[in-house]
Amino acid sequence: MHRSSYAIWWNEENGPRHVGKLEVSPLHALLSGNGSKRLAVPLDAITTVECRAGEVRLNRRNEGFVRIGSLDAPGTLRELAHALGA
């Protein structure tokens, strides 16, 4: 059984890092965090999902990439990469 919410950090391109959670729904991934920062990534806009060097990189069509790291248990990055790439 896969979870739908993950404790993460993220940043867009080389922007500031945010801490919060990622929730996966059938249509998008919602990253919400400290302050009012939120980012919705439509799943159909994700071109590739790469898991490397302790982070997941989402490459998005026409919008650059998002880097995501886990603040959760070991193995969470693989589970997250699978959930976003499926």
PDB file of N, CA and C in Angstrom:
ATOM      1  N   MET A   1       0.843  -1.182   0.000  1.00  0.00           N
ATOM      2  CA  MET A   1       0.000   0.000   0.000  1.00  0.00           C
ATOM      3  C   MET A   1       0.889   1.246   0.000  1.00  0.00           C
ATOM      4  N   HIS A   2       0.633   2.153  -0.908  1.00  0.00           N
ATOM      5  CA  HIS A   2       1.414   3.375  -1.002  1.00  0.00           C
ATOM      6  C   HIS A   2       0.738   4.510  -0.238  1.00  0.00           C
ATOM      7  N   ARG A   3       1.562   5.317   0.383  1.00  0.00           N
ATOM      8  CA  ARG A   3       1.034   6.489   1.070  1.00  0.00           C
ATOM      9  C   ARG A   3       0.740   7.568   0.048  1.00  0.00           C
ATOM     10  N   SER A   4       0.008   8.569   0.452  1.00  0.00           N
ATOM     11  CA  SER A   4      -0.259   9.689  -0.451  1.00  0.00           C
ATOM     12  C   SER A   4       0.334  10.987   0.069  1.00  0.00           C
ATOM     13  N   SER A   5       1.030  10.955   1.230  1.00  0.00           N
ATOM     14  CA  SER A   5       1.615  12.155   1.808  1.00  0.00           C
ATOM     15  C   SER A   5       3.018  11.833   2.318  1.00  0.00           C
ATOM     16  N   TYR A   6       3.965  12.748   2.049  1.00  0.00           N
ATOM     17  CA  TYR A   6       5.367  12.542   2.404  1.00  0.00           C
ATOM     18  C   TYR A   6       5.938  13.806   3.036  1.00  0.00           C
ATOM     19  N   ALA A   7       6.781  13.659   4.050  1.00  0.00           N
ATOM     20  CA  ALA A   7       7.502  14.789   4.644  1.00  0.00           C
ATOM     21  C   ALA A   7       8.732  15.043   3.774  1.00  0.00           C
ATOM     22  N   ILE A   8       8.854  16.274   3.242  1.00  0.00           N
ATOM     23  CA  ILE A   8       9.894  16.557   2.254  1.00  0.00           C
ATOM     24  C   ILE A   8      10.489  17.953   2.420  1.00  0.00           C
ATOM     25  N   TRP A   9      11.577  18.205   1.676  1.00  0.00           N
ATOM     26  CA  TRP A   9      12.043  19.549   1.344  1.00  0.00           C
ATOM     27  C   TRP A   9      12.010  19.612  -0.180  1.00  0.00           C
ATOM     28  N   TRP A  10      11.891  20.817  -0.730  1.00  0.00           N
ATOM     29  CA  TRP A  10      11.927  20.964  -2.182  1.00  0.00           C
ATOM     30  C   TRP A  10      12.396  22.349  -2.574  1.00  0.00           C
ATOM     31  N   ASN A  11      12.856  22.427  -3.816  1.00  0.00           N
ATOM     32  CA  ASN A  11      13.123  23.734  -4.414  1.00  0.00           C
ATOM     33  C   ASN A  11      12.963  23.629  -5.926  1.00  0.00           C
ATOM     34  N   GLU A  12      12.596  24.757  -6.520  1.00  0.00           N
ATOM     35  CA  GLU A  12      12.466  24.841  -7.969  1.00  0.00           C
ATOM     36  C   GLU A  12      13.774  25.363  -8.531  1.00  0.00           C
ATOM     37  N   GLU A  13      14.287  24.665  -9.563  1.00  0.00           N
ATOM     38  CA  GLU A  13      15.577  25.025 -10.162  1.00  0.00           C
ATOM     39  C   GLU A  13      16.589  25.194  -9.033  1.00  0.00           C
ATOM     40  N   ASN A  14      17.168  26.366  -8.875  1.00  0.00           N
ATOM     41  CA  ASN A  14      18.133  26.599  -7.790  1.00  0.00           C
ATOM     42  C   ASN A  14      17.610  27.635  -6.795  1.00  0.00           C
ATOM     43  N   GLY A  15      16.291  27.703  -6.670  1.00  0.00           N
ATOM     44  CA  GLY A  15      15.659  28.654  -5.762  1.00  0.00           C
ATOM     45  C   GLY A  15      15.771  28.228  -4.310  1.00  0.00           C
ATOM     46  N   PRO A  16      15.117  28.972  -3.418  1.00  0.00           N
ATOM     47  CA  PRO A  16      15.185  28.662  -1.987  1.00  0.00           C
ATOM     48  C   PRO A  16      14.545  27.308  -1.657  1.00  0.00           C
ATOM     49  N   ARG A  17      15.075  26.683  -0.636  1.00  0.00           N
ATOM     50  CA  ARG A  17      14.565  25.386  -0.197  1.00  0.00           C
ATOM     51  C   ARG A  17      13.390  25.600   0.750  1.00  0.00           C
ATOM     52  N   HIS A  18      12.356  24.804   0.566  1.00  0.00           N
ATOM     53  CA  HIS A  18      11.163  24.849   1.408  1.00  0.00           C
ATOM     54  C   HIS A  18      10.998  23.496   2.091  1.00  0.00           C
ATOM     55  N   VAL A  19      10.452  23.503   3.287  1.00  0.00           N
ATOM     56  CA  VAL A  19      10.202  22.283   4.048  1.00  0.00           C
ATOM     57  C   VAL A  19       8.708  22.140   4.230  1.00  0.00           C
ATOM     58  N   GLY A  20       8.204  20.928   4.048  1.00  0.00           N
ATOM     59  CA  GLY A  20       6.773  20.709   4.211  1.00  0.00           C
ATOM     60  C   GLY A  20       6.384  19.295   3.861  1.00  0.00           C
ATOM     61  N   LYS A  21       5.325  19.185   3.072  1.00  0.00           N
ATOM     62  CA  LYS A  21       4.849  17.856   2.690  1.00  0.00           C
ATOM     63  C   LYS A  21       4.459  17.831   1.225  1.00  0.00           C
ATOM     64  N   LEU A  22       4.447  16.630   0.685  1.00  0.00           N
ATOM     65  CA  LEU A  22       4.013  16.406  -0.680  1.00  0.00           C
ATOM     66  C   LEU A  22       2.845  15.438  -0.622  1.00  0.00           C
ATOM     67  N   GLU A  23       1.752  15.808  -1.272  1.00  0.00           N
ATOM     68  CA  GLU A  23       0.584  14.939  -1.345  1.00  0.00           C
ATOM     69  C   GLU A  23       0.366  14.589  -2.809  1.00  0.00           C
ATOM     70  N   VAL A  24       0.195  13.306  -3.068  1.00  0.00           N
ATOM     71  CA  VAL A  24      -0.007  12.829  -4.438  1.00  0.00           C
ATOM     72  C   VAL A  24      -1.483  12.508  -4.629  1.00  0.00           C
ATOM     73  N   SER A  25      -2.079  13.110  -5.661  1.00  0.00           N
ATOM     74  CA  SER A  25      -3.467  12.817  -6.016  1.00  0.00           C
ATOM     75  C   SER A  25      -3.455  12.220  -7.417  1.00  0.00           C
ATOM     76  N   PRO A  26      -4.587  11.797  -7.932  1.00  0.00           N
ATOM     77  CA  PRO A  26      -4.608  11.228  -9.282  1.00  0.00           C
ATOM     78  C   PRO A  26      -4.187  12.209 -10.381  1.00  0.00           C
ATOM     79  N   LEU A  27      -4.303  13.534 -10.142  1.00  0.00           N
ATOM     80  CA  LEU A  27      -3.999  14.506 -11.189  1.00  0.00           C
ATOM     81  C   LEU A  27      -2.750  15.333 -10.963  1.00  0.00           C
ATOM     82  N   HIS A  28      -2.330  15.497  -9.700  1.00  0.00           N
ATOM     83  CA  HIS A  28      -1.176  16.359  -9.438  1.00  0.00           C
ATOM     84  C   HIS A  28      -0.471  15.984  -8.132  1.00  0.00           C
ATOM     85  N   ALA A  29       0.716  16.554  -7.983  1.00  0.00           N
ATOM     86  CA  ALA A  29       1.445  16.477  -6.724  1.00  0.00           C
ATOM     87  C   ALA A  29       1.400  17.871  -6.125  1.00  0.00           C
ATOM     88  N   LEU A  30       0.967  17.980  -4.887  1.00  0.00           N
ATOM     89  CA  LEU A  30       0.875  19.262  -4.211  1.00  0.00           C
ATOM     90  C   LEU A  30       1.963  19.332  -3.147  1.00  0.00           C
ATOM     91  N   LEU A  31       2.854  20.302  -3.301  1.00  0.00           N
ATOM     92  CA  LEU A  31       3.922  20.540  -2.333  1.00  0.00           C
ATOM     93  C   LEU A  31       3.513  21.765  -1.532  1.00  0.00           C
ATOM     94  N   SER A  32       3.396  21.620  -0.234  1.00  0.00           N
ATOM     95  CA  SER A  32       3.023  22.756   0.615  1.00  0.00           C
ATOM     96  C   SER A  32       3.984  22.802   1.780  1.00  0.00           C
ATOM     97  N   GLY A  33       4.321  24.017   2.182  1.00  0.00           N
ATOM     98  CA  GLY A  33       5.345  24.099   3.205  1.00  0.00           C
ATOM     99  C   GLY A  33       5.291  25.312   4.073  1.00  0.00           C
ATOM    100  N   ASN A  34       6.484  25.640   4.568  1.00  0.00           N
ATOM    101  CA  ASN A  34       6.613  26.744   5.507  1.00  0.00           C
ATOM    102  C   ASN A  34       6.045  28.031   4.910  1.00  0.00           C
ATOM    103  N   GLY A  35       5.370  28.776   5.729  1.00  0.00           N
ATOM    104  CA  GLY A  35       4.713  29.977   5.233  1.00  0.00           C
ATOM    105  C   GLY A  35       3.554  29.601   4.324  1.00  0.00           C
ATOM    106  N   SER A  36       3.362  30.379   3.288  1.00  0.00           N
ATOM    107  CA  SER A  36       2.255  30.121   2.376  1.00  0.00           C
ATOM    108  C   SER A  36       2.728  29.523   1.054  1.00  0.00           C
ATOM    109  N   LYS A  37       3.965  29.038   1.003  1.00  0.00           N
ATOM    110  CA  LYS A  37       4.504  28.484  -0.238  1.00  0.00           C
ATOM    111  C   LYS A  37       3.807  27.189  -0.591  1.00  0.00           C
ATOM    112  N   ARG A  38       3.272  27.141  -1.807  1.00  0.00           N
ATOM    113  CA  ARG A  38       2.617  25.944  -2.335  1.00  0.00           C
ATOM    114  C   ARG A  38       2.984  25.809  -3.793  1.00  0.00           C
ATOM    115  N   LEU A  39       3.072  24.586  -4.255  1.00  0.00           N
ATOM    116  CA  LEU A  39       3.363  24.313  -5.653  1.00  0.00           C
ATOM    117  C   LEU A  39       2.576  23.089  -6.068  1.00  0.00           C
ATOM    118  N   ALA A  40       1.763  23.229  -7.115  1.00  0.00           N
ATOM    119  CA  ALA A  40       1.028  22.104  -7.673  1.00  0.00           C
ATOM    120  C   ALA A  40       1.701  21.711  -8.984  1.00  0.00           C
ATOM    121  N   VAL A  41       2.076  20.450  -9.092  1.00  0.00           N
ATOM    122  CA  VAL A  41       2.723  19.939 -10.297  1.00  0.00           C
ATOM    123  C   VAL A  41       1.776  18.922 -10.929  1.00  0.00           C
ATOM    124  N   PRO A  42       1.166  19.271 -12.066  1.00  0.00           N
ATOM    125  CA  PRO A  42       0.303  18.297 -12.742  1.00  0.00           C
ATOM    126  C   PRO A  42       1.121  17.067 -13.135  1.00  0.00           C
ATOM    127  N   LEU A  43       0.608  15.887 -12.854  1.00  0.00           N
ATOM    128  CA  LEU A  43       1.354  14.669 -13.165  1.00  0.00           C
ATOM    129  C   LEU A  43       1.628  14.533 -14.654  1.00  0.00           C
ATOM    130  N   ASP A  44       0.727  15.043 -15.497  1.00  0.00           N
ATOM    131  CA  ASP A  44       0.958  14.932 -16.939  1.00  0.00           C
ATOM    132  C   ASP A  44       1.974  15.945 -17.459  1.00  0.00           C
ATOM    133  N   ALA A  45       2.457  16.860 -16.598  1.00  0.00           N
ATOM    134  CA  ALA A  45       3.506  17.813 -16.975  1.00  0.00           C
ATOM    135  C   ALA A  45       4.893  17.296 -16.608  1.00  0.00           C
ATOM    136  N   ILE A  46       4.958  16.172 -15.884  1.00  0.00           N
ATOM    137  CA  ILE A  46       6.246  15.595 -15.498  1.00  0.00           C
ATOM    138  C   ILE A  46       6.775  14.776 -16.666  1.00  0.00           C
ATOM    139  N   THR A  47       7.952  15.167 -17.162  1.00  0.00           N
ATOM    140  CA  THR A  47       8.533  14.447 -18.304  1.00  0.00           C
ATOM    141  C   THR A  47       9.423  13.293 -17.852  1.00  0.00           C
ATOM    142  N   THR A  48      10.190  13.481 -16.775  1.00  0.00           N
ATOM    143  CA  THR A  48      11.010  12.408 -16.225  1.00  0.00           C
ATOM    144  C   THR A  48      11.104  12.550 -14.717  1.00  0.00           C
ATOM    145  N   VAL A  49      11.315  11.419 -14.051  1.00  0.00           N
ATOM    146  CA  VAL A  49      11.535  11.367 -12.611  1.00  0.00           C
ATOM    147  C   VAL A  49      12.864  10.657 -12.407  1.00  0.00           C
ATOM    148  N   GLU A  50      13.829  11.361 -11.804  1.00  0.00           N
ATOM    149  CA  GLU A  50      15.153  10.789 -11.566  1.00  0.00           C
ATOM    150  C   GLU A  50      15.406  10.716 -10.068  1.00  0.00           C
ATOM    151  N   CYS A  51      15.863   9.560  -9.598  1.00  0.00           N
ATOM    152  CA  CYS A  51      16.211   9.381  -8.192  1.00  0.00           C
ATOM    153  C   CYS A  51      17.721   9.241  -8.124  1.00  0.00           C
ATOM    154  N   ARG A  52      18.393  10.254  -7.513  1.00  0.00           N
ATOM    155  CA  ARG A  52      19.859  10.232  -7.450  1.00  0.00           C
ATOM    156  C   ARG A  52      20.362  11.108  -6.314  1.00  0.00           C
ATOM    157  N   ALA A  53      21.505  10.740  -5.790  1.00  0.00           N
ATOM    158  CA  ALA A  53      22.206  11.524  -4.779  1.00  0.00           C
ATOM    159  C   ALA A  53      21.302  12.036  -3.654  1.00  0.00           C
ATOM    160  N   GLY A  54      20.434  11.165  -3.142  1.00  0.00           N
ATOM    161  CA  GLY A  54      19.601  11.547  -2.008  1.00  0.00           C
ATOM    162  C   GLY A  54      18.459  12.483  -2.311  1.00  0.00           C
ATOM    163  N   GLU A  55      18.067  12.564  -3.576  1.00  0.00           N
ATOM    164  CA  GLU A  55      16.928  13.411  -3.938  1.00  0.00           C
ATOM    165  C   GLU A  55      16.235  12.876  -5.174  1.00  0.00           C
ATOM    166  N   VAL A  56      15.020  13.347  -5.377  1.00  0.00           N
ATOM    167  CA  VAL A  56      14.253  13.048  -6.587  1.00  0.00           C
ATOM    168  C   VAL A  56      14.188  14.332  -7.385  1.00  0.00           C
ATOM    169  N   ARG A  57      14.445  14.223  -8.675  1.00  0.00           N
ATOM    170  CA  ARG A  57      14.360  15.390  -9.552  1.00  0.00           C
ATOM    171  C   ARG A  57      13.209  15.166 -10.527  1.00  0.00           C
ATOM    172  N   LEU A  58      12.259  16.095 -10.497  1.00  0.00           N
ATOM    173  CA  LEU A  58      11.136  16.073 -11.435  1.00  0.00           C
ATOM    174  C   LEU A  58      11.432  17.066 -12.546  1.00  0.00           C
ATOM    175  N   ASN A  59      11.539  16.585 -13.753  1.00  0.00           N
ATOM    176  CA  ASN A  59      11.685  17.475 -14.901  1.00  0.00           C
ATOM    177  C   ASN A  59      10.290  17.721 -15.452  1.00  0.00           C
ATOM    178  N   ARG A  60       9.967  19.009 -15.596  1.00  0.00           N
ATOM    179  CA  ARG A  60       8.614  19.387 -16.018  1.00  0.00           C
ATOM    180  C   ARG A  60       8.641  19.998 -17.409  1.00  0.00           C
ATOM    181  N   ARG A  61       7.632  19.698 -18.160  1.00  0.00           N
ATOM    182  CA  ARG A  61       7.472  20.269 -19.497  1.00  0.00           C
ATOM    183  C   ARG A  61       7.283  21.785 -19.376  1.00  0.00           C
ATOM    184  N   ASN A  62       8.120  22.554 -20.022  1.00  0.00           N
ATOM    185  CA  ASN A  62       8.035  24.011 -20.111  1.00  0.00           C
ATOM    186  C   ASN A  62       8.196  24.765 -18.794  1.00  0.00           C
ATOM    187  N   GLU A  63       8.630  24.110 -17.706  1.00  0.00           N
ATOM    188  CA  GLU A  63       8.732  24.822 -16.433  1.00  0.00           C
ATOM    189  C   GLU A  63       9.985  24.494 -15.644  1.00  0.00           C
ATOM    190  N   GLY A  64      10.958  23.842 -16.213  1.00  0.00           N
ATOM    191  CA  GLY A  64      12.164  23.518 -15.463  1.00  0.00           C
ATOM    192  C   GLY A  64      11.956  22.351 -14.525  1.00  0.00           C
ATOM    193  N   PHE A  65      12.849  22.231 -13.553  1.00  0.00           N
ATOM    194  CA  PHE A  65      12.799  21.065 -12.674  1.00  0.00           C
ATOM    195  C   PHE A  65      12.514  21.451 -11.227  1.00  0.00           C
ATOM    196  N   VAL A  66      12.120  20.436 -10.461  1.00  0.00           N
ATOM    197  CA  VAL A  66      11.902  20.549  -9.016  1.00  0.00           C
ATOM    198  C   VAL A  66      12.734  19.457  -8.360  1.00  0.00           C
ATOM    199  N   ARG A  67      13.527  19.829  -7.362  1.00  0.00           N
ATOM    200  CA  ARG A  67      14.292  18.862  -6.577  1.00  0.00           C
ATOM    201  C   ARG A  67      13.543  18.601  -5.279  1.00  0.00           C
ATOM    202  N   ILE A  68      13.448  17.318  -4.893  1.00  0.00           N
ATOM    203  CA  ILE A  68      12.716  16.918  -3.696  1.00  0.00           C
ATOM    204  C   ILE A  68      13.593  15.982  -2.877  1.00  0.00           C
ATOM    205  N   GLY A  69      13.682  16.245  -1.589  1.00  0.00           N
ATOM    206  CA  GLY A  69      14.397  15.363  -0.671  1.00  0.00           C
ATOM    207  C   GLY A  69      13.464  14.895   0.427  1.00  0.00           C
ATOM    208  N   SER A  70      13.766  13.748   0.980  1.00  0.00           N
ATOM    209  CA  SER A  70      12.910  13.161   2.007  1.00  0.00           C
ATOM    210  C   SER A  70      13.322  13.589   3.404  1.00  0.00           C
ATOM    211  N   LEU A  71      12.346  13.845   4.238  1.00  0.00           N
ATOM    212  CA  LEU A  71      12.543  14.056   5.672  1.00  0.00           C
ATOM    213  C   LEU A  71      11.923  12.896   6.435  1.00  0.00           C
ATOM    214  N   ASP A  72      11.653  11.827   5.720  1.00  0.00           N
ATOM    215  CA  ASP A  72      10.921  10.678   6.221  1.00  0.00           C
ATOM    216  C   ASP A  72      11.847   9.476   6.397  1.00  0.00           C
ATOM    217  N   ALA A  73      11.288   8.324   6.497  1.00  0.00           N
ATOM    218  CA  ALA A  73      12.013   7.076   6.723  1.00  0.00           C
ATOM    219  C   ALA A  73      12.856   6.671   5.503  1.00  0.00           C
ATOM    220  N   PRO A  74      13.874   5.839   5.718  1.00  0.00           N
ATOM    221  CA  PRO A  74      14.661   5.326   4.591  1.00  0.00           C
ATOM    222  C   PRO A  74      13.750   4.607   3.588  1.00  0.00           C
ATOM    223  N   GLY A  75      14.066   4.730   2.332  1.00  0.00           N
ATOM    224  CA  GLY A  75      13.261   4.095   1.293  1.00  0.00           C
ATOM    225  C   GLY A  75      12.143   4.972   0.767  1.00  0.00           C
ATOM    226  N   THR A  76      11.895   6.087   1.414  1.00  0.00           N
ATOM    227  CA  THR A  76      10.803   6.958   1.004  1.00  0.00           C
ATOM    228  C   THR A  76      11.038   7.568  -0.366  1.00  0.00           C
ATOM    229  N   LEU A  77      12.287   7.908  -0.688  1.00  0.00           N
ATOM    230  CA  LEU A  77      12.550   8.516  -1.995  1.00  0.00           C
ATOM    231  C   LEU A  77      12.184   7.580  -3.140  1.00  0.00           C
ATOM    232  N   ARG A  78      12.511   6.306  -3.007  1.00  0.00           N
ATOM    233  CA  ARG A  78      12.130   5.345  -4.059  1.00  0.00           C
ATOM    234  C   ARG A  78      10.617   5.243  -4.189  1.00  0.00           C
ATOM    235  N   GLU A  79       9.949   5.186  -3.052  1.00  0.00           N
ATOM    236  CA  GLU A  79       8.485   5.110  -3.069  1.00  0.00           C
ATOM    237  C   GLU A  79       7.897   6.355  -3.705  1.00  0.00           C
ATOM    238  N   LEU A  80       8.449   7.517  -3.359  1.00  0.00           N
ATOM    239  CA  LEU A  80       7.980   8.774  -3.912  1.00  0.00           C
ATOM    240  C   LEU A  80       8.237   8.846  -5.417  1.00  0.00           C
ATOM    241  N   ALA A  81       9.435   8.454  -5.849  1.00  0.00           N
ATOM    242  CA  ALA A  81       9.760   8.442  -7.279  1.00  0.00           C
ATOM    243  C   ALA A  81       8.808   7.527  -8.035  1.00  0.00           C
ATOM    244  N   HIS A  82       8.505   6.377  -7.458  1.00  0.00           N
ATOM    245  CA  HIS A  82       7.563   5.441  -8.104  1.00  0.00           C
ATOM    246  C   HIS A  82       6.169   6.047  -8.189  1.00  0.00           C
ATOM    247  N   ALA A  83       5.713   6.688  -7.117  1.00  0.00           N
ATOM    248  CA  ALA A  83       4.374   7.288  -7.097  1.00  0.00           C
ATOM    249  C   ALA A  83       4.248   8.400  -8.134  1.00  0.00           C
ATOM    250  N   LEU A  84       5.311   9.185  -8.339  1.00  0.00           N
ATOM    251  CA  LEU A  84       5.261  10.291  -9.284  1.00  0.00           C
ATOM    252  C   LEU A  84       5.510   9.864 -10.722  1.00  0.00           C
ATOM    253  N   GLY A  85       6.218   8.762 -10.885  1.00  0.00           N
ATOM    254  CA  GLY A  85       6.527   8.294 -12.233  1.00  0.00           C
ATOM    255  C   GLY A  85       5.538   7.306 -12.796  1.00  0.00           C
ATOM    256  N   ALA A  86       4.634   6.824 -11.956  1.00  0.00           N
ATOM    257  CA  ALA A  86       3.671   5.804 -12.409  1.00  0.00           C
ATOM    258  C   ALA A  86       2.611   6.377 -13.312  1.00  0.00           C
TER     259      ALA A  86
END
